[in-house]
């Protein structure tokens, strides 16, 4: 059932987007709830407004003294790393979050559905990556806490979708981020985070040549992955890419003469040495390190290596003291 919202609702919604203080936002939300007609078509939107109102009231309380809840935008990191999903309105970020995790964001056919960040845990094989859905990056208004949220993330996944020109949208997003002293490319004076691109809603592109052209153009700027939350196309490859953008590798240990435990990897930054891994396990293991044996893609089985050997994804390590 359509919502059939009156013009006064959209005027209040515009004031909400432009509001700078928590108290002003609360007043606008209360006005939107009062104006909104009550019928089945507005049930989900009404629930979302009430959720936002509750979160803003919590945020207001947190500013009035110690012992209060943390700000609503502060998402504690969980899993092996945190990836923020960012992008323009109506690119399907919330749908992707729902398809990749067990989170249940509000999904609706109108823009600016997501007002506050929402996290979900994505399982990739034997590790979990935290994905954070964020409000749309629009030029009209940016929440004051948004840049801090992006700085706290370990990486970004930029979500674009047809029918908008993806290259123009990417340039527009780069400009908005630069205004916040942020960038997804190495830029002097700006804080950078590793990033990838998701061309979502590819089911809306009936011409394969058009999709191929989009991908060719975008891949000149950032690693790009086609996907569709609706049809679930490309999601397995996307999960691997979302882990990869964090710059992490999984390695496994085994006691001498025993099998490795593949269910509990050590997740370490790319470039980690075998001595640094030993230090992570126990400082005595690093202090008494003599040599190690490695089973991996770039070594022969059980190859003997020294402390400066740089670990690779999937290496199995046997440390000798």
Foldseek 3Di string as FASTA:
>chain_A
DAQPADPVLVVLVLQLQVDQDLVSNLVSLVVNLVRGDDDPNCPLVNVLSVVVNVLSVQQVVVVPDPPGDDRQQDDDFDWPFEEEEAFAWPLCLQLLQVLQFVDDQDDDPDTQSADHKDWGWGDQPQTIYIYIYGTYDDPSHDHPCVLVSVLPGQAYEYGDEPPDLVVVRVVVVQVSQVVVQEHCDDDPRRHHHPYAYEHEPCVVPPDVVVVVVSCVVCVVPHHYFYAYSVVGPRVSVVVVVVVVSSQKAWEWEDEPPGDTDPNDTDIDHFFDWPLNVLVVVPVVLSVPFDWKFKDDPPDPHRDIGHRNHTDDHYIYMYTDD
